[in-house]
Structures are given as structure tokens and as C-alpha cells.
Amino acid sequence: MKDPNKKIIIFDDDEDILSICSYILEEQGWEVYTYTDCNNITEKVSGILPDVILMDNWIPDAGGIIATQTLKKSNQLKDIPVIYFSANSDIQILANHAGAQTYLAKPFDLEDLERVISRVLAA
């Protein structure tokens, strides 16, 4: 069952993570957009208006916290759920600081990815 309107943006500078996540999510019918930096993030997200965003902590140039906070300051974009993901042990604190809806610790398995996406979409 393909839902043509399910769109997700993944911000991560790790090409392996982008390709694995894209593959899995596209298999589930998502339209996946990937960026290896968060420059001009408001424009990038406004042009797509995704249902959900996956945000890496260490994304160039500004970093995930500033990128997420920038989105949350935008009236048009602030309601898009952001899932913060990082290998950082303080990920919960970082996600809260950024204003993300939830977080996913790296490395994660694909069930975790699917579960956390389903959870934010159901909220």
C-alpha cells in the first residue's frame, strides 16, 4: 500500500546511513529526501514539507541542535516532528535541548527506526 503523501527528510553526513535508511523507507512507500548538511535548512524543508524529519547531531555546518531549533522557530515548519539521532551518549539531553519530538540512538536497528517514526506520526 503506497501512500504518495508520506515524505521524510534525513539530515546526516554519513552516506551509508542515508543509503540504508532511504532504501528501507522507500520500500515502505516513503518519499525520501536526504541532505548531507543543514545549510539553508528552512528553505530545504519548506520546499518539501515532509511528514517527519530525521536529524543527525553532527550535521554540518551548524549542527543538529541549531538546525532543529531553527525549524521550531518557523511557524510553517514547527509542527513537523523531528527525530534526533546520534551516537552521542547524551542524546536524550541533546534532543530535548534541540526541541526534537524524540530521539533514536545510533547504532539503531531498522525496527527501532520504524517504531520511532510510527510513534511520532501517531502523536
PDB file of N, CA and C in Angstrom:
ATOM      1  N   MET A   1       0.844  -1.201   0.000  1.00  0.00           N
ATOM      2  CA  MET A   1       0.000   0.000   0.000  1.00  0.00           C
ATOM      3  C   MET A   1       0.873   1.243   0.000  1.00  0.00           C
ATOM      4  N   LYS A   2       0.916   1.933  -1.094  1.00  0.00           N
ATOM      5  CA  LYS A   2       1.746   3.137  -1.204  1.00  0.00           C
ATOM      6  C   LYS A   2       0.916   4.354  -0.837  1.00  0.00           C
ATOM      7  N   ASP A   3       1.467   5.150   0.058  1.00  0.00           N
ATOM      8  CA  ASP A   3       0.850   6.424   0.407  1.00  0.00           C
ATOM      9  C   ASP A   3       1.698   7.506  -0.256  1.00  0.00           C
ATOM     10  N   PRO A   4       1.205   8.114  -1.320  1.00  0.00           N
ATOM     11  CA  PRO A   4       2.046   9.037  -2.077  1.00  0.00           C
ATOM     12  C   PRO A   4       2.421  10.283  -1.293  1.00  0.00           C
ATOM     13  N   ASN A   5       1.750  10.510  -0.170  1.00  0.00           N
ATOM     14  CA  ASN A   5       1.999  11.745   0.555  1.00  0.00           C
ATOM     15  C   ASN A   5       2.971  11.606   1.724  1.00  0.00           C
ATOM     16  N   LYS A   6       3.478  10.400   1.963  1.00  0.00           N
ATOM     17  CA  LYS A   6       4.391  10.242   3.100  1.00  0.00           C
ATOM     18  C   LYS A   6       5.790  10.665   2.689  1.00  0.00           C
ATOM     19  N   LYS A   7       6.240  11.799   3.251  1.00  0.00           N
ATOM     20  CA  LYS A   7       7.554  12.321   2.889  1.00  0.00           C
ATOM     21  C   LYS A   7       8.417  12.447   4.138  1.00  0.00           C
ATOM     22  N   ILE A   8       9.686  12.110   3.986  1.00  0.00           N
ATOM     23  CA  ILE A   8      10.621  12.191   5.097  1.00  0.00           C
ATOM     24  C   ILE A   8      11.921  12.817   4.598  1.00  0.00           C
ATOM     25  N   ILE A   9      12.514  13.661   5.440  1.00  0.00           N
ATOM     26  CA  ILE A   9      13.847  14.195   5.129  1.00  0.00           C
ATOM     27  C   ILE A   9      14.815  13.625   6.153  1.00  0.00           C
ATOM     28  N   ILE A  10      15.960  13.163   5.655  1.00  0.00           N
ATOM     29  CA  ILE A  10      17.025  12.689   6.548  1.00  0.00           C
ATOM     30  C   ILE A  10      18.215  13.628   6.384  1.00  0.00           C
ATOM     31  N   PHE A  11      18.621  14.227   7.496  1.00  0.00           N
ATOM     32  CA  PHE A  11      19.823  15.052   7.517  1.00  0.00           C
ATOM     33  C   PHE A  11      20.922  14.263   8.213  1.00  0.00           C
ATOM     34  N   ASP A  12      21.917  13.833   7.445  1.00  0.00           N
ATOM     35  CA  ASP A  12      23.046  13.101   8.029  1.00  0.00           C
ATOM     36  C   ASP A  12      24.212  13.194   7.063  1.00  0.00           C
ATOM     37  N   ASP A  13      25.408  13.355   7.581  1.00  0.00           N
ATOM     38  CA  ASP A  13      26.562  13.444   6.688  1.00  0.00           C
ATOM     39  C   ASP A  13      27.203  12.083   6.438  1.00  0.00           C
ATOM     40  N   ASP A  14      26.583  11.026   6.954  1.00  0.00           N
ATOM     41  CA  ASP A  14      27.075   9.665   6.729  1.00  0.00           C
ATOM     42  C   ASP A  14      26.302   9.052   5.562  1.00  0.00           C
ATOM     43  N   GLU A  15      26.980   8.917   4.431  1.00  0.00           N
ATOM     44  CA  GLU A  15      26.312   8.422   3.224  1.00  0.00           C
ATOM     45  C   GLU A  15      25.756   7.007   3.409  1.00  0.00           C
ATOM     46  N   ASP A  16      26.436   6.187   4.214  1.00  0.00           N
ATOM     47  CA  ASP A  16      25.957   4.818   4.449  1.00  0.00           C
ATOM     48  C   ASP A  16      24.610   4.837   5.151  1.00  0.00           C
ATOM     49  N   ILE A  17      24.507   5.658   6.172  1.00  0.00           N
ATOM     50  CA  ILE A  17      23.233   5.758   6.896  1.00  0.00           C
ATOM     51  C   ILE A  17      22.143   6.276   5.959  1.00  0.00           C
ATOM     52  N   LEU A  18      22.471   7.275   5.163  1.00  0.00           N
ATOM     53  CA  LEU A  18      21.482   7.818   4.226  1.00  0.00           C
ATOM     54  C   LEU A  18      20.999   6.741   3.263  1.00  0.00           C
ATOM     55  N   SER A  19      21.931   5.954   2.725  1.00  0.00           N
ATOM     56  CA  SER A  19      21.502   4.974   1.721  1.00  0.00           C
ATOM     57  C   SER A  19      20.714   3.832   2.356  1.00  0.00           C
ATOM     58  N   ILE A  20      21.123   3.377   3.535  1.00  0.00           N
ATOM     59  CA  ILE A  20      20.387   2.290   4.202  1.00  0.00           C
ATOM     60  C   ILE A  20      18.987   2.765   4.596  1.00  0.00           C
ATOM     61  N   CYS A  21      18.915   3.910   5.253  1.00  0.00           N
ATOM     62  CA  CYS A  21      17.609   4.429   5.685  1.00  0.00           C
ATOM     63  C   CYS A  21      16.711   4.712   4.488  1.00  0.00           C
ATOM     64  N   SER A  22      17.288   5.281   3.432  1.00  0.00           N
ATOM     65  CA  SER A  22      16.487   5.584   2.235  1.00  0.00           C
ATOM     66  C   SER A  22      15.905   4.306   1.655  1.00  0.00           C
ATOM     67  N   TYR A  23      16.745   3.303   1.542  1.00  0.00           N
ATOM     68  CA  TYR A  23      16.311   2.036   0.957  1.00  0.00           C
ATOM     69  C   TYR A  23      15.143   1.444   1.754  1.00  0.00           C
ATOM     70  N   ILE A  24      15.326   1.360   3.059  1.00  0.00           N
ATOM     71  CA  ILE A  24      14.296   0.766   3.921  1.00  0.00           C
ATOM     72  C   ILE A  24      12.998   1.562   3.846  1.00  0.00           C
ATOM     73  N   LEU A  25      13.110   2.885   3.953  1.00  0.00           N
ATOM     74  CA  LEU A  25      11.902   3.719   3.985  1.00  0.00           C
ATOM     75  C   LEU A  25      11.200   3.744   2.629  1.00  0.00           C
ATOM     76  N   GLU A  26      11.987   3.751   1.546  1.00  0.00           N
ATOM     77  CA  GLU A  26      11.357   3.714   0.219  1.00  0.00           C
ATOM     78  C   GLU A  26      10.603   2.405   0.014  1.00  0.00           C
ATOM     79  N   GLU A  27      11.148   1.317   0.562  1.00  0.00           N
ATOM     80  CA  GLU A  27      10.458   0.023   0.492  1.00  0.00           C
ATOM     81  C   GLU A  27       9.094   0.104   1.171  1.00  0.00           C
ATOM     82  N   GLN A  28       8.997   0.946   2.186  1.00  0.00           N
ATOM     83  CA  GLN A  28       7.727   1.095   2.920  1.00  0.00           C
ATOM     84  C   GLN A  28       6.838   2.171   2.318  1.00  0.00           C
ATOM     85  N   GLY A  29       7.236   2.702   1.171  1.00  0.00           N
ATOM     86  CA  GLY A  29       6.379   3.663   0.493  1.00  0.00           C
ATOM     87  C   GLY A  29       6.659   5.116   0.804  1.00  0.00           C
ATOM     88  N   TRP A  30       7.725   5.406   1.519  1.00  0.00           N
ATOM     89  CA  TRP A  30       8.064   6.798   1.809  1.00  0.00           C
ATOM     90  C   TRP A  30       8.744   7.432   0.605  1.00  0.00           C
ATOM     91  N   GLU A  31       8.524   8.721   0.459  1.00  0.00           N
ATOM     92  CA  GLU A  31       9.311   9.532  -0.461  1.00  0.00           C
ATOM     93  C   GLU A  31      10.433  10.117   0.385  1.00  0.00           C
ATOM     94  N   VAL A  32      11.680   9.732   0.099  1.00  0.00           N
ATOM     95  CA  VAL A  32      12.800  10.082   0.972  1.00  0.00           C
ATOM     96  C   VAL A  32      13.669  11.161   0.328  1.00  0.00           C
ATOM     97  N   TYR A  33      13.966  12.189   1.105  1.00  0.00           N
ATOM     98  CA  TYR A  33      14.872  13.250   0.683  1.00  0.00           C
ATOM     99  C   TYR A  33      16.046  13.242   1.649  1.00  0.00           C
ATOM    100  N   THR A  34      17.260  13.347   1.126  1.00  0.00           N
ATOM    101  CA  THR A  34      18.422  13.316   2.015  1.00  0.00           C
ATOM    102  C   THR A  34      19.309  14.526   1.764  1.00  0.00           C
ATOM    103  N   TYR A  35      19.887  15.017   2.852  1.00  0.00           N
ATOM    104  CA  TYR A  35      20.844  16.121   2.775  1.00  0.00           C
ATOM    105  C   TYR A  35      22.029  15.795   3.665  1.00  0.00           C
ATOM    106  N   THR A  36      23.227  16.149   3.205  1.00  0.00           N
ATOM    107  CA  THR A  36      24.428  15.896   3.993  1.00  0.00           C
ATOM    108  C   THR A  36      24.868  17.126   4.780  1.00  0.00           C
ATOM    109  N   ASP A  37      24.090  18.199   4.700  1.00  0.00           N
ATOM    110  CA  ASP A  37      24.349  19.370   5.547  1.00  0.00           C
ATOM    111  C   ASP A  37      23.011  20.021   5.860  1.00  0.00           C
ATOM    112  N   CYS A  38      23.040  20.952   6.809  1.00  0.00           N
ATOM    113  CA  CYS A  38      21.784  21.610   7.203  1.00  0.00           C
ATOM    114  C   CYS A  38      21.796  23.084   6.819  1.00  0.00           C
ATOM    115  N   ASN A  39      22.636  23.443   5.849  1.00  0.00           N
ATOM    116  CA  ASN A  39      22.656  24.837   5.395  1.00  0.00           C
ATOM    117  C   ASN A  39      21.325  25.178   4.719  1.00  0.00           C
ATOM    118  N   ASN A  40      20.855  26.400   4.921  1.00  0.00           N
ATOM    119  CA  ASN A  40      19.559  26.838   4.362  1.00  0.00           C
ATOM    120  C   ASN A  40      18.442  25.858   4.715  1.00  0.00           C
ATOM    121  N   ILE A  41      18.445  25.406   5.955  1.00  0.00           N
ATOM    122  CA  ILE A  41      17.516  24.330   6.344  1.00  0.00           C
ATOM    123  C   ILE A  41      16.063  24.735   6.165  1.00  0.00           C
ATOM    124  N   THR A  42      15.731  25.984   6.456  1.00  0.00           N
ATOM    125  CA  THR A  42      14.336  26.411   6.334  1.00  0.00           C
ATOM    126  C   THR A  42      13.860  26.276   4.891  1.00  0.00           C
ATOM    127  N   GLU A  43      14.719  26.671   3.954  1.00  0.00           N
ATOM    128  CA  GLU A  43      14.351  26.563   2.538  1.00  0.00           C
ATOM    129  C   GLU A  43      14.231  25.092   2.122  1.00  0.00           C
ATOM    130  N   LYS A  44      15.176  24.279   2.562  1.00  0.00           N
ATOM    131  CA  LYS A  44      15.142  22.858   2.191  1.00  0.00           C
ATOM    132  C   LYS A  44      13.842  22.205   2.662  1.00  0.00           C
ATOM    133  N   VAL A  45      13.495  22.449   3.928  1.00  0.00           N
ATOM    134  CA  VAL A  45      12.309  21.803   4.495  1.00  0.00           C
ATOM    135  C   VAL A  45      11.026  22.416   3.929  1.00  0.00           C
ATOM    136  N   SER A  46      11.003  23.728   3.725  1.00  0.00           N
ATOM    137  CA  SER A  46       9.806  24.390   3.171  1.00  0.00           C
ATOM    138  C   SER A  46       9.475  23.874   1.783  1.00  0.00           C
ATOM    139  N   GLY A  47      10.511  23.554   1.009  1.00  0.00           N
ATOM    140  CA  GLY A  47      10.288  23.092  -0.349  1.00  0.00           C
ATOM    141  C   GLY A  47       9.698  21.697  -0.424  1.00  0.00           C
ATOM    142  N   ILE A  48       9.798  20.942   0.665  1.00  0.00           N
ATOM    143  CA  ILE A  48       9.334  19.547   0.674  1.00  0.00           C
ATOM    144  C   ILE A  48       8.136  19.354   1.593  1.00  0.00           C
ATOM    145  N   LEU A  49       8.152  20.060   2.728  1.00  0.00           N
ATOM    146  CA  LEU A  49       7.119  19.906   3.765  1.00  0.00           C
ATOM    147  C   LEU A  49       6.896  18.429   4.113  1.00  0.00           C
ATOM    148  N   PRO A  50       7.902  17.797   4.687  1.00  0.00           N
ATOM    149  CA  PRO A  50       7.805  16.368   4.999  1.00  0.00           C
ATOM    150  C   PRO A  50       6.878  16.103   6.178  1.00  0.00           C
ATOM    151  N   ASP A  51       6.509  14.829   6.334  1.00  0.00           N
ATOM    152  CA  ASP A  51       5.720  14.406   7.495  1.00  0.00           C
ATOM    153  C   ASP A  51       6.599  14.259   8.723  1.00  0.00           C
ATOM    154  N   VAL A  52       7.874  13.976   8.495  1.00  0.00           N
ATOM    155  CA  VAL A  52       8.799  13.747   9.605  1.00  0.00           C
ATOM    156  C   VAL A  52      10.223  14.027   9.120  1.00  0.00           C
ATOM    157  N   ILE A  53      11.080  14.407  10.079  1.00  0.00           N
ATOM    158  CA  ILE A  53      12.486  14.710   9.776  1.00  0.00           C
ATOM    159  C   ILE A  53      13.366  13.886  10.710  1.00  0.00           C
ATOM    160  N   LEU A  54      14.387  13.263  10.150  1.00  0.00           N
ATOM    161  CA  LEU A  54      15.431  12.615  10.952  1.00  0.00           C
ATOM    162  C   LEU A  54      16.636  13.545  10.948  1.00  0.00           C
ATOM    163  N   MET A  55      17.115  13.910  12.126  1.00  0.00           N
ATOM    164  CA  MET A  55      18.192  14.901  12.242  1.00  0.00           C
ATOM    165  C   MET A  55      19.378  14.327  12.993  1.00  0.00           C
ATOM    166  N   ASP A  56      20.525  14.324  12.333  1.00  0.00           N
ATOM    167  CA  ASP A  56      21.758  13.889  12.977  1.00  0.00           C
ATOM    168  C   ASP A  56      22.316  15.022  13.839  1.00  0.00           C
ATOM    169  N   ASN A  57      22.925  14.661  14.962  1.00  0.00           N
ATOM    170  CA  ASN A  57      23.510  15.669  15.839  1.00  0.00           C
ATOM    171  C   ASN A  57      24.682  16.397  15.193  1.00  0.00           C
ATOM    172  N   TRP A  58      25.528  15.649  14.493  1.00  0.00           N
ATOM    173  CA  TRP A  58      26.785  16.229  13.995  1.00  0.00           C
ATOM    174  C   TRP A  58      26.686  16.678  12.546  1.00  0.00           C
ATOM    175  N   ILE A  59      25.529  17.116  12.103  1.00  0.00           N
ATOM    176  CA  ILE A  59      25.359  17.515  10.704  1.00  0.00           C
ATOM    177  C   ILE A  59      26.090  18.844  10.442  1.00  0.00           C
ATOM    178  N   PRO A  60      26.875  18.941   9.363  1.00  0.00           N
ATOM    179  CA  PRO A  60      27.484  20.226   9.032  1.00  0.00           C
ATOM    180  C   PRO A  60      26.406  21.209   8.544  1.00  0.00           C
ATOM    181  N   ASP A  61      26.493  22.501   8.626  1.00  0.00           N
ATOM    182  CA  ASP A  61      27.620  23.128   9.278  1.00  0.00           C
ATOM    183  C   ASP A  61      27.253  23.508  10.701  1.00  0.00           C
ATOM    184  N   ALA A  62      25.992  23.881  10.875  1.00  0.00           N
ATOM    185  CA  ALA A  62      25.592  24.442  12.173  1.00  0.00           C
ATOM    186  C   ALA A  62      25.415  23.373  13.242  1.00  0.00           C
ATOM    187  N   GLY A  63      25.115  22.137  12.836  1.00  0.00           N
ATOM    188  CA  GLY A  63      24.840  21.084  13.813  1.00  0.00           C
ATOM    189  C   GLY A  63      23.352  20.897  14.007  1.00  0.00           C
ATOM    190  N   GLY A  64      22.990  19.716  14.494  1.00  0.00           N
ATOM    191  CA  GLY A  64      21.584  19.335  14.615  1.00  0.00           C
ATOM    192  C   GLY A  64      20.777  20.168  15.579  1.00  0.00           C
ATOM    193  N   ILE A  65      21.400  20.615  16.663  1.00  0.00           N
ATOM    194  CA  ILE A  65      20.641  21.390  17.654  1.00  0.00           C
ATOM    195  C   ILE A  65      20.181  22.706  17.041  1.00  0.00           C
ATOM    196  N   ILE A  66      21.121  23.436  16.445  1.00  0.00           N
ATOM    197  CA  ILE A  66      20.760  24.729  15.846  1.00  0.00           C
ATOM    198  C   ILE A  66      19.791  24.520  14.685  1.00  0.00           C
ATOM    199  N   ALA A  67      20.035  23.481  13.885  1.00  0.00           N
ATOM    200  CA  ALA A  67      19.142  23.201  12.749  1.00  0.00           C
ATOM    201  C   ALA A  67      17.720  22.937  13.229  1.00  0.00           C
ATOM    202  N   THR A  68      17.587  22.105  14.270  1.00  0.00           N
ATOM    203  CA  THR A  68      16.247  21.786  14.791  1.00  0.00           C
ATOM    204  C   THR A  68      15.601  23.020  15.402  1.00  0.00           C
ATOM    205  N   GLN A  69      16.374  23.789  16.170  1.00  0.00           N
ATOM    206  CA  GLN A  69      15.818  24.999  16.785  1.00  0.00           C
ATOM    207  C   GLN A  69      15.357  25.985  15.711  1.00  0.00           C
ATOM    208  N   THR A  70      16.105  26.069  14.622  1.00  0.00           N
ATOM    209  CA  THR A  70      15.721  26.961  13.510  1.00  0.00           C
ATOM    210  C   THR A  70      14.364  26.542  12.958  1.00  0.00           C
ATOM    211  N   LEU A  71      14.166  25.235  12.763  1.00  0.00           N
ATOM    212  CA  LEU A  71      12.874  24.744  12.258  1.00  0.00           C
ATOM    213  C   LEU A  71      11.756  25.046  13.241  1.00  0.00           C
ATOM    214  N   LYS A  72      12.034  24.857  14.524  1.00  0.00           N
ATOM    215  CA  LYS A  72      10.993  25.037  15.539  1.00  0.00           C
ATOM    216  C   LYS A  72      10.604  26.507  15.712  1.00  0.00           C
ATOM    217  N   LYS A  73      11.447  27.425  15.217  1.00  0.00           N
ATOM    218  CA  LYS A  73      11.113  28.862  15.283  1.00  0.00           C
ATOM    219  C   LYS A  73      10.235  29.282  14.116  1.00  0.00           C
ATOM    220  N   SER A  74      10.108  28.418  13.117  1.00  0.00           N
ATOM    221  CA  SER A  74       9.328  28.769  11.928  1.00  0.00           C
ATOM    222  C   SER A  74       7.876  28.349  12.117  1.00  0.00           C
ATOM    223  N   ASN A  75       6.954  29.296  11.963  1.00  0.00           N
ATOM    224  CA  ASN A  75       5.531  28.968  12.127  1.00  0.00           C
ATOM    225  C   ASN A  75       5.082  27.895  11.154  1.00  0.00           C
ATOM    226  N   GLN A  76       5.635  27.922   9.942  1.00  0.00           N
ATOM    227  CA  GLN A  76       5.220  26.973   8.914  1.00  0.00           C
ATOM    228  C   GLN A  76       5.754  25.561   9.217  1.00  0.00           C
ATOM    229  N   LEU A  77       6.911  25.479   9.865  1.00  0.00           N
ATOM    230  CA  LEU A  77       7.612  24.196   9.985  1.00  0.00           C
ATOM    231  C   LEU A  77       7.641  23.619  11.394  1.00  0.00           C
ATOM    232  N   LYS A  78       7.240  24.416  12.384  1.00  0.00           N
ATOM    233  CA  LYS A  78       7.461  23.998  13.771  1.00  0.00           C
ATOM    234  C   LYS A  78       6.706  22.738  14.180  1.00  0.00           C
ATOM    235  N   ASP A  79       5.626  22.398  13.475  1.00  0.00           N
ATOM    236  CA  ASP A  79       4.842  21.220  13.854  1.00  0.00           C
ATOM    237  C   ASP A  79       5.317  19.927  13.190  1.00  0.00           C
ATOM    238  N   ILE A  80       6.325  20.013  12.327  1.00  0.00           N
ATOM    239  CA  ILE A  80       6.861  18.792  11.707  1.00  0.00           C
ATOM    240  C   ILE A  80       7.700  18.067  12.760  1.00  0.00           C
ATOM    241  N   PRO A  81       7.365  16.813  13.062  1.00  0.00           N
ATOM    242  CA  PRO A  81       8.134  16.123  14.102  1.00  0.00           C
ATOM    243  C   PRO A  81       9.576  15.866  13.662  1.00  0.00           C
ATOM    244  N   VAL A  82      10.497  16.142  14.579  1.00  0.00           N
ATOM    245  CA  VAL A  82      11.919  15.895  14.336  1.00  0.00           C
ATOM    246  C   VAL A  82      12.364  14.748  15.247  1.00  0.00           C
ATOM    247  N   ILE A  83      12.945  13.725  14.625  1.00  0.00           N
ATOM    248  CA  ILE A  83      13.543  12.616  15.375  1.00  0.00           C
ATOM    249  C   ILE A  83      15.049  12.854  15.346  1.00  0.00           C
ATOM    250  N   TYR A  84      15.599  13.062  16.530  1.00  0.00           N
ATOM    251  CA  TYR A  84      17.013  13.378  16.635  1.00  0.00           C
ATOM    252  C   TYR A  84      17.780  12.081  16.705  1.00  0.00           C
ATOM    253  N   PHE A  85      18.827  11.926  15.915  1.00  0.00           N
ATOM    254  CA  PHE A  85      19.577  10.692  16.067  1.00  0.00           C
ATOM    255  C   PHE A  85      21.072  10.943  16.088  1.00  0.00           C
ATOM    256  N   SER A  86      21.719  10.178  16.988  1.00  0.00           N
ATOM    257  CA  SER A  86      23.136  10.405  17.249  1.00  0.00           C
ATOM    258  C   SER A  86      23.702   9.226  18.001  1.00  0.00           C
ATOM    259  N   ALA A  87      25.027   9.070  17.883  1.00  0.00           N
ATOM    260  CA  ALA A  87      25.723   8.064  18.687  1.00  0.00           C
ATOM    261  C   ALA A  87      26.157   8.658  20.018  1.00  0.00           C
ATOM    262  N   ASN A  88      25.863   9.932  20.240  1.00  0.00           N
ATOM    263  CA  ASN A  88      26.265  10.602  21.470  1.00  0.00           C
ATOM    264  C   ASN A  88      25.526  10.022  22.666  1.00  0.00           C
ATOM    265  N   SER A  89      26.244   9.794  23.751  1.00  0.00           N
ATOM    266  CA  SER A  89      25.604   9.180  24.927  1.00  0.00           C
ATOM    267  C   SER A  89      24.603  10.123  25.589  1.00  0.00           C
ATOM    268  N   ASP A  90      24.712  11.412  25.321  1.00  0.00           N
ATOM    269  CA  ASP A  90      23.784  12.391  25.903  1.00  0.00           C
ATOM    270  C   ASP A  90      22.624  12.702  24.969  1.00  0.00           C
ATOM    271  N   ILE A  91      22.282  11.752  24.119  1.00  0.00           N
ATOM    272  CA  ILE A  91      21.309  12.057  23.064  1.00  0.00           C
ATOM    273  C   ILE A  91      19.976  12.575  23.600  1.00  0.00           C
ATOM    274  N   GLN A  92      19.529  12.042  24.727  1.00  0.00           N
ATOM    275  CA  GLN A  92      18.238  12.499  25.261  1.00  0.00           C
ATOM    276  C   GLN A  92      18.303  13.984  25.607  1.00  0.00           C
ATOM    277  N   ILE A  93      19.387  14.387  26.242  1.00  0.00           N
ATOM    278  CA  ILE A  93      19.571  15.798  26.619  1.00  0.00           C
ATOM    279  C   ILE A  93      19.687  16.658  25.363  1.00  0.00           C
ATOM    280  N   LEU A  94      20.470  16.184  24.399  1.00  0.00           N
ATOM    281  CA  LEU A  94      20.640  16.935  23.153  1.00  0.00           C
ATOM    282  C   LEU A  94      19.311  17.109  22.432  1.00  0.00           C
ATOM    283  N   ALA A  95      18.544  16.023  22.347  1.00  0.00           N
ATOM    284  CA  ALA A  95      17.243  16.074  21.660  1.00  0.00           C
ATOM    285  C   ALA A  95      16.311  17.068  22.346  1.00  0.00           C
ATOM    286  N   ASN A  96      16.279  17.032  23.685  1.00  0.00           N
ATOM    287  CA  ASN A  96      15.434  17.968  24.439  1.00  0.00           C
ATOM    288  C   ASN A  96      15.877  19.404  24.190  1.00  0.00           C
ATOM    289  N   HIS A  97      17.199  19.607  24.227  1.00  0.00           N
ATOM    290  CA  HIS A  97      17.754  20.943  24.026  1.00  0.00           C
ATOM    291  C   HIS A  97      17.404  21.463  22.637  1.00  0.00           C
ATOM    292  N   ALA A  98      17.443  20.583  21.666  1.00  0.00           N
ATOM    293  CA  ALA A  98      17.147  20.966  20.281  1.00  0.00           C
ATOM    294  C   ALA A  98      15.664  21.254  20.084  1.00  0.00           C
ATOM    295  N   GLY A  99      14.806  20.645  20.933  1.00  0.00           N
ATOM    296  CA  GLY A  99      13.365  20.782  20.760  1.00  0.00           C
ATOM    297  C   GLY A  99      12.785  19.681  19.887  1.00  0.00           C
ATOM    298  N   ALA A 100      13.532  18.590  19.732  1.00  0.00           N
ATOM    299  CA  ALA A 100      13.054  17.472  18.919  1.00  0.00           C
ATOM    300  C   ALA A 100      11.943  16.722  19.652  1.00  0.00           C
ATOM    301  N   GLN A 101      11.074  16.045  18.881  1.00  0.00           N
ATOM    302  CA  GLN A 101       9.971  15.291  19.482  1.00  0.00           C
ATOM    303  C   GLN A 101      10.490  14.058  20.214  1.00  0.00           C
ATOM    304  N   THR A 102      11.475  13.408  19.634  1.00  0.00           N
ATOM    305  CA  THR A 102      12.003  12.189  20.225  1.00  0.00           C
ATOM    306  C   THR A 102      13.392  11.963  19.661  1.00  0.00           C
ATOM    307  N   TYR A 103      13.979  10.835  20.007  1.00  0.00           N
ATOM    308  CA  TYR A 103      15.338  10.581  19.558  1.00  0.00           C
ATOM    309  C   TYR A 103      15.533   9.102  19.298  1.00  0.00           C
ATOM    310  N   LEU A 104      16.620   8.799  18.624  1.00  0.00           N
ATOM    311  CA  LEU A 104      16.965   7.434  18.262  1.00  0.00           C
ATOM    312  C   LEU A 104      18.478   7.339  18.394  1.00  0.00           C
ATOM    313  N   ALA A 105      18.942   6.466  19.276  1.00  0.00           N
ATOM    314  CA  ALA A 105      20.384   6.336  19.491  1.00  0.00           C
ATOM    315  C   ALA A 105      20.999   5.514  18.371  1.00  0.00           C
ATOM    316  N   LYS A 106      22.160   5.945  17.895  1.00  0.00           N
ATOM    317  CA  LYS A 106      22.920   5.161  16.921  1.00  0.00           C
ATOM    318  C   LYS A 106      23.903   4.285  17.686  1.00  0.00           C
ATOM    319  N   PRO A 107      24.201   3.105  17.238  1.00  0.00           N
ATOM    320  CA  PRO A 107      23.571   2.452  16.095  1.00  0.00           C
ATOM    321  C   PRO A 107      22.165   1.972  16.458  1.00  0.00           C
ATOM    322  N   PHE A 108      21.265   2.015  15.505  1.00  0.00           N
ATOM    323  CA  PHE A 108      19.894   1.550  15.747  1.00  0.00           C
ATOM    324  C   PHE A 108      19.597   0.449  14.754  1.00  0.00           C
ATOM    325  N   ASP A 109      18.629  -0.397  15.099  1.00  0.00           N
ATOM    326  CA  ASP A 109      18.230  -1.378  14.091  1.00  0.00           C
ATOM    327  C   ASP A 109      16.972  -0.872  13.400  1.00  0.00           C
ATOM    328  N   LEU A 110      16.621  -1.516  12.316  1.00  0.00           N
ATOM    329  CA  LEU A 110      15.565  -0.974  11.465  1.00  0.00           C
ATOM    330  C   LEU A 110      14.211  -1.014  12.136  1.00  0.00           C
ATOM    331  N   GLU A 111      14.000  -1.978  13.032  1.00  0.00           N
ATOM    332  CA  GLU A 111      12.718  -1.989  13.775  1.00  0.00           C
ATOM    333  C   GLU A 111      12.617  -0.740  14.642  1.00  0.00           C
ATOM    334  N   ASP A 112      13.745  -0.347  15.251  1.00  0.00           N
ATOM    335  CA  ASP A 112      13.732   0.859  16.085  1.00  0.00           C
ATOM    336  C   ASP A 112      13.359   2.073  15.237  1.00  0.00           C
ATOM    337  N   LEU A 113      13.954   2.143  14.053  1.00  0.00           N
ATOM    338  CA  LEU A 113      13.680   3.260  13.150  1.00  0.00           C
ATOM    339  C   LEU A 113      12.192   3.305  12.803  1.00  0.00           C
ATOM    340  N   GLU A 114      11.642   2.161  12.420  1.00  0.00           N
ATOM    341  CA  GLU A 114      10.224   2.111  12.046  1.00  0.00           C
ATOM    342  C   GLU A 114       9.323   2.456  13.223  1.00  0.00           C
ATOM    343  N   ARG A 115       9.688   1.948  14.401  1.00  0.00           N
ATOM    344  CA  ARG A 115       8.866   2.175  15.592  1.00  0.00           C
ATOM    345  C   ARG A 115       8.836   3.660  15.958  1.00  0.00           C
ATOM    346  N   VAL A 116      10.002   4.293  15.936  1.00  0.00           N
ATOM    347  CA  VAL A 116      10.049   5.682  16.365  1.00  0.00           C
ATOM    348  C   VAL A 116       9.341   6.589  15.350  1.00  0.00           C
ATOM    349  N   ILE A 117       9.429   6.264  14.064  1.00  0.00           N
ATOM    350  CA  ILE A 117       8.697   7.042  13.052  1.00  0.00           C
ATOM    351  C   ILE A 117       7.190   6.863  13.245  1.00  0.00           C
ATOM    352  N   SER A 118       6.754   5.623  13.436  1.00  0.00           N
ATOM    353  CA  SER A 118       5.313   5.374  13.647  1.00  0.00           C
ATOM    354  C   SER A 118       4.805   6.119  14.864  1.00  0.00           C
ATOM    355  N   ARG A 119       5.632   6.139  15.916  1.00  0.00           N
ATOM    356  CA  ARG A 119       5.219   6.781  17.162  1.00  0.00           C
ATOM    357  C   ARG A 119       5.015   8.280  16.970  1.00  0.00           C
ATOM    358  N   VAL A 120       5.952   8.965  16.287  1.00  0.00           N
ATOM    359  CA  VAL A 120       5.762  10.415  16.127  1.00  0.00           C
ATOM    360  C   VAL A 120       4.607  10.731  15.193  1.00  0.00           C
ATOM    361  N   LEU A 121       4.356   9.868  14.215  1.00  0.00           N
ATOM    362  CA  LEU A 121       3.237  10.125  13.302  1.00  0.00           C
ATOM    363  C   LEU A 121       1.894   9.901  13.989  1.00  0.00           C
ATOM    364  N   ALA A 122       1.885   9.015  14.978  1.00  0.00           N
ATOM    365  CA  ALA A 122       0.626   8.727  15.691  1.00  0.00           C
ATOM    366  C   ALA A 122       0.329   9.795  16.749  1.00  0.00           C
ATOM    367  N   ALA A 123       1.340  10.543  17.127  1.00  0.00           N
ATOM    368  CA  ALA A 123       1.169  11.511  18.238  1.00  0.00           C
ATOM    369  C   ALA A 123       0.239  12.655  17.858  1.00  0.00           C
TER     370      ALA A 123
END
